Protein backbone atom coordinates (compact mmCIF):
# COMPACT_ATOMS: atom_id res chain seq x y z
CA MET A 1 85.43 69.23 133.28
CA LEU A 2 86.84 71.49 135.98
CA ALA A 3 88.92 73.47 133.47
CA LYS A 4 85.92 74.04 131.24
CA ASN A 5 83.80 75.19 134.18
CA GLU A 6 86.54 77.63 135.16
CA ILE A 7 86.54 79.02 131.62
CA ALA A 8 82.79 79.49 131.67
CA HIS A 9 83.02 81.12 135.11
CA ASP A 10 85.76 83.54 134.04
CA ALA A 11 84.02 84.41 130.78
CA GLY A 12 80.59 85.05 132.24
CA MET A 13 81.22 85.91 135.92
CA ALA A 14 78.46 88.04 137.41
CA VAL A 15 79.53 91.36 138.89
CA ASN A 16 77.85 94.39 140.33
CA ASP A 17 78.91 96.63 137.44
CA PRO A 18 76.08 97.54 135.08
CA ALA A 19 75.88 95.35 132.00
CA PRO A 20 77.21 96.93 128.84
CA PRO A 21 74.56 98.01 126.38
CA VAL A 22 73.73 95.63 123.57
CA ARG A 23 75.12 97.19 120.45
CA GLY A 24 73.85 96.79 116.95
CA ILE A 25 70.56 95.95 115.35
CA MET A 26 68.61 93.25 117.17
CA LEU A 27 67.00 91.74 114.07
CA ILE A 28 68.46 91.33 110.60
CA THR A 29 66.20 89.89 107.92
CA PRO A 30 67.19 86.61 106.20
CA ALA A 31 67.57 88.44 102.88
CA ARG A 32 69.95 91.04 104.33
CA ARG A 33 71.84 88.29 106.13
CA ARG A 34 72.44 86.52 102.81
CA ILE A 35 73.51 89.75 101.13
CA MET A 36 75.98 90.43 103.93
CA LEU A 37 77.45 86.92 103.67
CA VAL A 38 77.87 87.26 99.90
CA LEU A 39 79.53 90.67 100.29
CA LEU A 40 81.85 89.32 102.99
CA CYS A 41 82.81 86.51 100.60
CA VAL A 42 83.53 89.10 97.89
CA ILE A 43 85.70 91.09 100.31
CA TYR A 44 87.55 87.90 101.28
CA THR A 45 88.12 87.32 97.56
CA LEU A 46 89.66 90.79 97.20
CA ASN A 47 91.65 90.20 100.40
CA TYR A 48 93.34 87.17 98.85
CA LEU A 49 93.55 88.66 95.37
CA ASP A 50 95.62 91.54 96.75
CA ARG A 51 97.80 89.09 98.71
CA GLN A 52 98.34 86.48 96.02
CA ILE A 53 98.80 88.60 92.94
CA VAL A 54 102.39 89.22 94.09
CA VAL A 55 103.01 85.44 93.97
CA ILE A 56 102.45 85.19 90.22
CA LEU A 57 104.52 88.35 89.73
CA GLN A 58 107.53 86.98 91.66
CA GLU A 59 109.67 86.09 88.63
CA PRO A 60 109.51 89.50 86.87
CA ILE A 61 109.94 91.28 90.24
CA LYS A 62 112.95 89.08 90.99
CA SER A 63 114.44 89.89 87.60
CA GLU A 64 113.88 93.66 87.86
CA PHE A 65 115.18 94.04 91.41
CA ARG A 66 117.79 91.23 91.12
CA LEU A 67 116.63 89.33 94.20
CA GLN A 68 117.46 86.01 95.86
CA ASP A 69 114.68 83.52 96.64
CA TRP A 70 114.83 84.30 100.36
CA GLN A 71 114.17 87.97 99.54
CA LEU A 72 111.16 86.96 97.46
CA GLY A 73 109.95 84.82 100.36
CA LEU A 74 110.27 87.77 102.69
CA LEU A 75 108.40 89.99 100.25
CA THR A 76 105.47 87.60 99.74
CA GLY A 77 105.40 86.39 103.35
CA GLY A 78 107.20 88.40 106.01
CA ALA A 79 106.48 91.91 104.70
CA PHE A 80 102.77 91.15 104.74
CA GLY A 81 102.35 88.46 107.39
CA LEU A 82 104.40 90.00 110.21
CA PHE A 83 102.63 93.35 110.18
CA TYR A 84 99.26 91.73 109.49
CA THR A 85 99.80 89.76 112.68
CA LEU A 86 100.99 92.69 114.81
CA MET A 87 97.78 94.66 114.30
CA GLY A 88 95.30 91.76 114.16
CA VAL A 89 95.05 91.17 117.92
CA PRO A 90 94.59 94.80 119.07
CA ILE A 91 91.97 95.39 116.37
CA ALA A 92 90.14 92.22 117.47
CA HIS A 93 90.30 93.44 121.08
CA TRP A 94 88.65 96.70 120.01
CA VAL A 95 85.99 94.75 118.08
CA ASP A 96 85.14 92.55 121.10
CA ARG A 97 84.75 95.65 123.24
CA GLY A 98 81.97 96.94 121.00
CA GLY A 99 83.64 98.41 117.90
CA ASN A 100 81.46 98.69 114.80
CA ARG A 101 82.55 95.84 112.56
CA VAL A 102 80.71 96.99 109.43
CA ARG A 103 82.39 100.40 109.32
CA LEU A 104 85.76 98.86 110.17
CA LEU A 105 85.55 96.31 107.33
CA ALA A 106 84.50 98.90 104.74
CA GLY A 107 87.29 101.27 105.77
CA MET A 108 90.00 98.60 105.81
CA LEU A 109 88.99 97.34 102.36
CA ALA A 110 89.31 100.82 100.86
CA VAL A 111 92.75 101.36 102.42
CA TRP A 112 94.33 98.01 101.48
CA SER A 113 92.99 98.28 97.91
CA ALA A 114 94.59 101.71 97.50
CA LEU A 115 97.88 100.44 98.94
CA THR A 116 97.90 97.44 96.56
CA ALA A 117 97.75 99.84 93.64
CA LEU A 118 100.51 101.89 95.29
CA CYS A 119 102.80 98.83 95.20
CA GLY A 120 102.85 99.28 91.43
CA LEU A 121 104.73 102.56 91.87
CA ALA A 122 107.61 100.97 93.80
CA ARG A 123 111.04 101.71 92.32
CA SER A 124 113.13 99.53 94.62
CA TYR A 125 112.89 96.41 96.76
CA GLY A 126 112.76 98.58 99.88
CA SER A 127 109.85 100.72 98.70
CA PHE A 128 107.93 97.62 97.56
CA PHE A 129 108.55 96.03 100.96
CA LEU A 130 107.19 99.12 102.74
CA ALA A 131 104.08 99.19 100.55
CA ARG A 132 103.40 95.51 101.26
CA MET A 133 103.78 96.24 104.97
CA GLY A 134 101.02 98.81 104.55
CA VAL A 135 98.75 96.27 102.85
CA GLY A 136 99.34 93.85 105.74
CA LEU A 137 98.53 96.50 108.33
CA ALA A 138 95.33 97.50 106.51
CA GLU A 139 94.11 93.89 106.16
CA ALA A 140 94.95 93.00 109.77
CA GLY A 141 91.47 93.22 111.30
CA PHE A 142 89.50 91.72 108.44
CA ALA A 143 89.40 88.07 109.50
CA PRO A 144 88.59 88.58 113.22
CA ALA A 145 85.91 91.17 112.52
CA SER A 146 84.27 89.27 109.65
CA GLN A 147 84.26 85.90 111.43
CA ALA A 148 82.78 87.43 114.60
CA LEU A 149 80.16 89.16 112.44
CA ILE A 150 79.17 85.91 110.72
CA SER A 151 78.97 84.16 114.11
CA ASP A 152 76.33 86.71 115.17
CA LEU A 153 74.40 86.12 111.95
CA TYR A 154 74.38 82.29 111.96
CA SER A 155 73.75 79.76 114.72
CA ARG A 156 76.23 77.11 115.85
CA ASP A 157 74.71 74.42 113.59
CA GLU A 158 74.57 76.76 110.57
CA ARG A 159 78.03 78.19 111.18
CA PRO A 160 80.27 75.62 109.40
CA ARG A 161 78.25 75.98 106.19
CA ALA A 162 78.24 79.78 106.47
CA MET A 163 81.99 79.79 107.12
CA GLY A 164 82.42 77.46 104.14
CA LEU A 165 80.56 79.90 101.87
CA PHE A 166 82.56 82.80 103.30
CA SER A 167 85.85 80.91 102.89
CA ILE A 168 85.41 80.22 99.19
CA GLY A 169 86.61 83.79 98.86
CA VAL A 170 90.11 82.40 99.46
CA PRO A 171 90.31 80.10 96.40
CA ILE A 172 88.40 82.59 94.24
CA GLY A 173 90.83 85.30 95.32
CA VAL A 174 93.83 83.08 94.60
CA MET A 175 92.38 82.19 91.19
CA ALA A 176 91.64 85.83 90.35
CA GLY A 177 95.03 87.02 91.58
CA MET A 178 96.90 84.41 89.57
CA ALA A 179 94.83 84.90 86.40
CA ILE A 180 94.74 88.70 86.47
CA GLY A 181 98.38 88.96 87.45
CA GLY A 182 99.56 86.45 84.84
CA ILE A 183 97.51 87.78 81.91
CA VAL A 184 97.93 91.51 82.60
CA ALA A 185 101.65 91.21 83.39
CA HIS A 186 102.21 89.10 80.26
CA GLN A 187 100.44 91.68 78.08
CA THR A 188 101.83 94.80 79.80
CA ASP A 189 103.99 94.57 82.95
CA TRP A 190 103.71 93.64 86.61
CA ARG A 191 103.05 97.21 87.74
CA VAL A 192 99.86 97.53 85.69
CA ALA A 193 98.64 94.22 87.16
CA LEU A 194 98.86 95.72 90.66
CA PHE A 195 96.89 98.81 89.59
CA VAL A 196 94.15 96.59 88.14
CA ALA A 197 94.01 94.48 91.32
CA GLY A 198 93.55 97.44 93.64
CA PHE A 199 90.68 99.24 91.93
CA PRO A 200 87.64 96.92 92.57
CA GLY A 201 88.04 97.10 96.35
CA LEU A 202 87.13 100.79 96.41
CA ILE A 203 83.75 100.04 94.81
CA VAL A 204 82.98 97.03 97.03
CA ALA A 205 83.85 99.07 100.14
CA MET A 206 81.09 101.53 99.27
CA LEU A 207 78.60 98.72 98.58
CA PHE A 208 79.32 97.01 101.91
CA ALA A 209 78.98 100.25 103.87
CA THR A 210 75.62 100.83 102.16
CA PHE A 211 73.98 97.40 102.54
CA ALA A 212 75.52 95.82 105.66
CA ARG A 213 74.18 96.32 109.19
CA GLU A 214 75.75 95.62 112.59
CA PRO A 215 73.96 92.71 114.38
CA ALA A 216 73.59 92.45 118.14
CA ARG A 217 76.43 90.57 119.85
CA GLY A 218 75.38 86.95 120.40
CA ALA A 219 72.22 87.42 118.33
CA SER A 220 72.49 83.91 116.86
CA GLU A 221 72.40 82.20 120.29
CA ALA A 222 70.27 84.28 122.61
CA GLU A 223 70.49 82.25 125.85
CA ARG A 224 74.28 82.14 125.88
CA ALA A 225 74.48 85.81 124.93
CA VAL A 226 72.17 86.90 127.76
CA GLN A 227 74.42 85.18 130.29
CA GLU A 228 77.58 86.73 128.85
CA GLN A 229 76.12 90.22 128.40
CA ALA A 230 76.07 90.45 132.20
CA ALA A 231 79.87 90.32 132.27
CA PRO A 232 82.08 93.39 131.82
CA PRO A 233 84.52 93.54 128.89
CA VAL A 234 87.40 91.10 129.36
CA SER A 235 90.99 92.32 129.02
CA LEU A 236 93.12 91.06 126.16
CA TRP A 237 95.50 89.21 128.47
CA ARG A 238 92.67 87.57 130.40
CA ALA A 239 90.86 86.55 127.22
CA THR A 240 94.03 84.87 125.96
CA ARG A 241 94.45 82.99 129.25
CA ILE A 242 90.82 81.85 129.24
CA LEU A 243 91.01 80.55 125.67
CA GLY A 244 94.42 78.97 126.30
CA ARG A 245 93.05 76.78 129.10
CA ARG A 246 90.93 74.82 126.65
CA ALA A 247 93.06 72.04 125.14
CA ALA A 248 90.85 71.67 122.06
CA PHE A 249 91.23 75.38 121.27
CA VAL A 250 95.02 75.20 121.66
CA HIS A 251 95.34 72.28 119.24
CA VAL A 252 93.00 73.92 116.71
CA ILE A 253 95.29 76.96 116.76
CA ALA A 254 98.46 74.82 116.53
CA GLY A 255 96.97 72.71 113.73
CA THR A 256 96.02 75.89 111.87
CA ALA A 257 99.57 77.25 112.22
CA VAL A 258 101.36 74.18 110.85
CA THR A 259 98.81 73.54 108.10
CA ALA A 260 99.09 77.16 106.99
CA LEU A 261 102.90 76.88 107.05
CA VAL A 262 102.82 74.12 104.44
CA GLU A 263 99.96 75.47 102.34
CA MET A 264 101.42 78.98 102.14
CA ALA A 265 104.72 77.46 101.04
CA MET A 266 102.99 75.50 98.27
CA THR A 267 100.75 78.38 97.15
CA SER A 268 103.55 80.95 97.17
CA TRP A 269 106.16 78.89 95.33
CA MET A 270 104.30 76.44 93.06
CA PRO A 271 103.88 79.02 90.25
CA SER A 272 107.63 79.75 90.29
CA PHE A 273 108.35 76.01 90.31
CA LEU A 274 106.17 75.46 87.24
CA ILE A 275 107.90 78.32 85.43
CA ARG A 276 111.43 77.20 86.34
CA ALA A 277 111.03 73.41 86.01
CA HIS A 278 108.62 73.19 83.09
CA GLY A 279 109.07 76.43 81.16
CA PHE A 280 105.52 77.75 81.49
CA SER A 281 104.91 81.42 80.72
CA LEU A 282 103.42 83.88 83.21
CA SER A 283 100.02 83.80 81.51
CA GLN A 284 100.00 79.98 81.28
CA VAL A 285 100.75 79.58 84.98
CA GLY A 286 98.43 82.42 85.94
CA VAL A 287 95.45 80.91 84.15
CA GLY A 288 96.29 77.21 84.68
CA PHE A 289 97.36 77.30 88.32
CA GLY A 290 94.78 80.00 89.06
CA LEU A 291 91.90 77.87 87.75
CA ILE A 292 93.11 74.81 89.64
CA ALA A 293 93.58 76.75 92.88
CA GLY A 294 90.19 78.40 92.45
CA ILE A 295 88.06 75.45 91.38
CA GLY A 296 89.81 72.95 93.65
CA GLY A 297 89.74 75.34 96.58
CA ILE A 298 86.03 76.06 96.14
CA ILE A 299 85.15 72.36 95.97
CA GLY A 300 87.31 71.50 98.97
CA THR A 301 86.18 74.44 101.08
CA MET A 302 82.48 73.90 100.36
CA ALA A 303 82.78 70.14 100.94
CA GLY A 304 84.66 70.75 104.19
CA GLY A 305 81.99 73.14 105.40
CA TRP A 306 79.15 70.82 104.42
CA GLN A 307 80.65 67.76 106.12
CA GLY A 308 81.45 69.91 109.16
CA SER A 309 77.80 70.96 109.56
CA TYR A 310 76.50 67.44 108.87
CA LEU A 311 78.91 65.37 110.98
CA GLY A 312 79.41 68.06 113.63
CA ARG A 313 75.82 67.72 114.85
CA LYS A 314 76.82 64.49 116.60
CA GLY A 315 79.88 66.04 118.18
CA MET A 316 82.26 68.79 117.09
CA HIS A 317 85.16 66.32 116.92
CA ARG A 318 83.51 64.46 114.04
CA MET A 319 83.98 67.39 111.64
CA LEU A 320 87.79 66.94 111.74
CA TRP A 321 88.29 63.34 110.56
CA VAL A 322 87.75 64.11 106.85
CA PRO A 323 90.17 67.10 106.90
CA ILE A 324 92.82 64.97 108.68
CA ALA A 325 92.58 62.30 105.98
CA GLY A 326 92.76 65.00 103.31
CA LEU A 327 95.98 66.50 104.69
CA LEU A 328 97.71 63.11 104.90
CA LEU A 329 96.73 62.27 101.31
CA CYS A 330 98.24 65.59 100.19
CA ILE A 331 101.74 64.31 100.96
CA PRO A 332 102.08 61.66 98.21
CA LEU A 333 100.08 63.76 95.78
CA TYR A 334 102.26 66.87 96.14
CA LEU A 335 105.42 64.73 95.89
CA ALA A 336 104.07 63.27 92.64
CA VAL A 337 103.42 66.79 91.30
CA LEU A 338 106.98 67.83 92.14
CA TYR A 339 108.73 64.82 90.60
CA ILE A 340 106.59 64.06 87.52
CA PRO A 341 108.70 65.03 84.46
CA ASP A 342 105.79 66.25 82.30
CA GLY A 343 104.63 69.78 83.17
CA ARG A 344 101.06 69.47 81.92
CA THR A 345 100.52 66.25 83.87
CA ALA A 346 101.96 67.87 87.01
CA LEU A 347 99.66 70.87 86.60
CA ALA A 348 96.59 68.68 86.09
CA LEU A 349 97.43 66.49 89.10
CA LEU A 350 97.52 69.58 91.33
CA ILE A 351 93.72 69.59 91.43
CA LEU A 352 93.65 66.63 93.86
CA PRO A 353 95.82 68.01 96.71
CA THR A 354 94.19 71.41 96.18
CA ILE A 355 90.75 69.91 96.92
CA LEU A 356 91.90 67.69 99.77
CA GLY A 357 94.01 70.44 101.34
CA ALA A 358 91.00 72.78 101.57
CA PHE A 359 88.76 70.46 103.66
CA TRP A 360 90.12 71.84 106.94
CA THR A 361 89.41 75.55 106.40
CA ALA A 362 85.72 75.90 107.31
CA PRO A 363 85.79 73.43 110.25
CA ALA A 364 88.83 75.23 111.72
CA ILE A 365 87.11 78.63 111.57
CA ALA A 366 83.83 77.22 112.93
CA LEU A 367 85.57 75.43 115.81
CA THR A 368 87.49 78.57 116.74
CA GLN A 369 84.19 80.43 117.07
CA ASN A 370 82.26 77.58 118.72
CA LEU A 371 84.90 77.11 121.42
CA ALA A 372 85.05 80.81 122.34
CA PRO A 373 82.64 82.79 124.54
CA VAL A 374 80.58 85.35 122.61
CA ALA A 375 82.52 88.26 124.15
CA MET A 376 85.84 86.81 122.94
CA ARG A 377 85.03 85.67 119.42
CA ALA A 378 86.98 88.33 117.54
CA ARG A 379 90.02 87.72 119.74
CA ALA A 380 89.68 83.96 119.28
CA ALA A 381 89.63 84.54 115.52
CA ALA A 382 92.61 86.87 115.89
CA LEU A 383 94.64 84.21 117.72
CA ARG A 384 93.91 81.78 114.89
CA ILE A 385 94.91 84.40 112.35
CA VAL A 386 98.10 85.19 114.29
CA ALA A 387 99.02 81.50 114.18
CA ALA A 388 98.19 81.18 110.49
CA ASN A 389 100.06 84.32 109.48
CA LEU A 390 102.99 84.54 111.88
CA VAL A 391 103.86 80.88 111.30
CA GLY A 392 102.22 80.27 107.93
CA MET A 393 102.39 83.42 105.86
CA ALA A 394 105.45 85.06 107.41
CA LEU A 395 107.55 81.91 107.81
CA GLY A 396 106.30 79.51 105.10
CA PRO A 397 107.43 81.41 101.97
CA LEU A 398 110.62 82.67 103.68
CA LEU A 399 111.67 79.21 104.92
CA THR A 400 110.96 77.69 101.52
CA GLY A 401 112.96 80.41 99.77
CA ALA A 402 115.92 79.89 102.11
CA LEU A 403 115.80 76.12 101.58
CA SER A 404 115.57 76.66 97.83
CA ASP A 405 118.70 78.83 97.81
CA TRP A 406 120.53 76.21 99.91
CA PHE A 407 119.52 73.25 97.75
CA ALA A 408 120.21 75.20 94.55
CA THR A 409 123.80 75.84 95.65
CA ASP A 410 124.47 72.08 95.77
CA ALA A 411 122.36 71.14 92.76
CA GLY A 412 123.46 74.02 90.54
CA SER A 413 119.85 74.58 89.46
CA ASN A 414 117.18 76.95 90.78
CA ALA A 415 114.45 74.56 89.61
CA ILE A 416 115.90 71.55 91.46
CA GLY A 417 116.58 73.65 94.54
CA LEU A 418 112.96 74.83 94.68
CA ARG A 419 111.60 71.33 94.01
CA ASN A 420 113.59 69.86 96.91
CA ALA A 421 112.55 72.71 99.23
CA LEU A 422 108.86 72.14 98.47
CA ALA A 423 109.27 68.38 99.00
CA VAL A 424 110.66 69.00 102.49
CA MET A 425 107.82 71.39 103.33
CA THR A 426 105.20 68.85 102.17
CA LEU A 427 106.31 66.35 104.83
CA LEU A 428 105.27 68.81 107.54
CA PHE A 429 101.64 67.86 106.86
CA ILE A 430 102.33 64.96 109.25
CA TRP A 431 103.00 67.43 112.07
CA ALA A 432 99.81 69.33 111.20
CA ALA A 433 97.71 66.16 111.23
CA LEU A 434 99.04 65.29 114.69
CA HIS A 435 97.60 68.51 116.15
CA TRP A 436 94.22 67.91 114.50
CA VAL A 437 94.13 64.39 115.97
CA LEU A 438 94.92 65.83 119.41
CA ALA A 439 92.10 68.36 118.91
CA VAL A 440 89.73 65.46 118.17
CA ARG A 441 90.80 63.73 121.40
CA ALA A 442 90.25 66.89 123.44
CA LEU A 443 86.81 67.49 121.92
CA ARG A 444 85.76 63.87 122.55
CA ARG A 445 86.89 64.20 126.15
CA GLU A 446 84.78 67.33 126.58
CA LEU A 447 81.77 65.55 125.05
CA ARG A 448 82.12 62.63 127.47
CA GLU A 449 82.43 64.99 130.44
CA GLU A 450 79.31 66.88 129.38
CA ALA A 451 77.39 63.60 129.10
CA ALA A 452 78.53 62.59 132.56
CA ASP A 453 77.23 65.81 134.19
């Protein structure tokens, strides 16, 4: 309990400096709150559409630029994830110090949408890589700013459900990216698909700037916010130290990193596997895999958010047991998908690990926000995003591509090489589950210590 008290003391320590002014609108109507959540979900959809459309376009891009799998992995992961990560933390720091989140989100959406379309003009691997870097830089502050915004709109008990609704933007975006990319590229070419993907974001950016309003910091939990408003802004280094002292927070971040590593590997390379191993066309994989990723992801994300709100009322640790079971069940299911000889059966079976593998998303986001002081929420979200993207997005596709090239050299087949690489990555779900179990233990310990006080 001592460590937790120290965290609370550091986060809300009273000083003689004048309290910073409360920024934003003090009261947002329930109707506007719902509109803002829906718009944030739409933006999250476009965020993932612009990321994932490159995944379905990997094979024609590889053919045109004559690339190895590790280069594709770097293009879909490292080019985006590394620079997304580099800017995420400083933007979150600015947000926590009072930056206007609504204007930031609208501006970033417009920029990354324009840069996605610009990727379609690339004439070499290098120019495509640079354009994807720009998309990553533009998207960098979205997750911290949006999650901190939602946390000021919804209370702790409502938060898992709200985060679940927000997070369905991920599977919808994956579904839209795969379907649009596959169909448009099949009918025209991959460059036109990127132009089509970038355009809607410009319209949604204007809508969000028009209808969204900036809430007061800590508006969803007034008593806690009043205490923390008395504290001056906390430096980035100090905020990281404060959050890092809480064992539950550390294991949530570590669990996020390893889970994202495996899931980004599967999402980034499964379409290519289906094309290489089973002879599907771009449009078939785009529509088939896109629908499965979208529908399965929506069901899993919503179910994960619902069970998190329901079970979490009796202790935050309770919201993690269902996601842990889901991740462990993904291992045999993904292995079955990879080794079943019939392509249609493999594609249909993908729905099960897609649902089970999405249970963890909303509880992870909610726990990150619940465990952080109000004044550090954007930075807490940024640390989670750094873990997910530096380890997951930047490393997952690249590591899988490198393993695929290595296995293919021995097997003499790109399809077998990729299948074996994905099988190895699937086993890492065990490592991810270990961190989630350790997070449960840390949260239970905190609950017992609170009861003892």
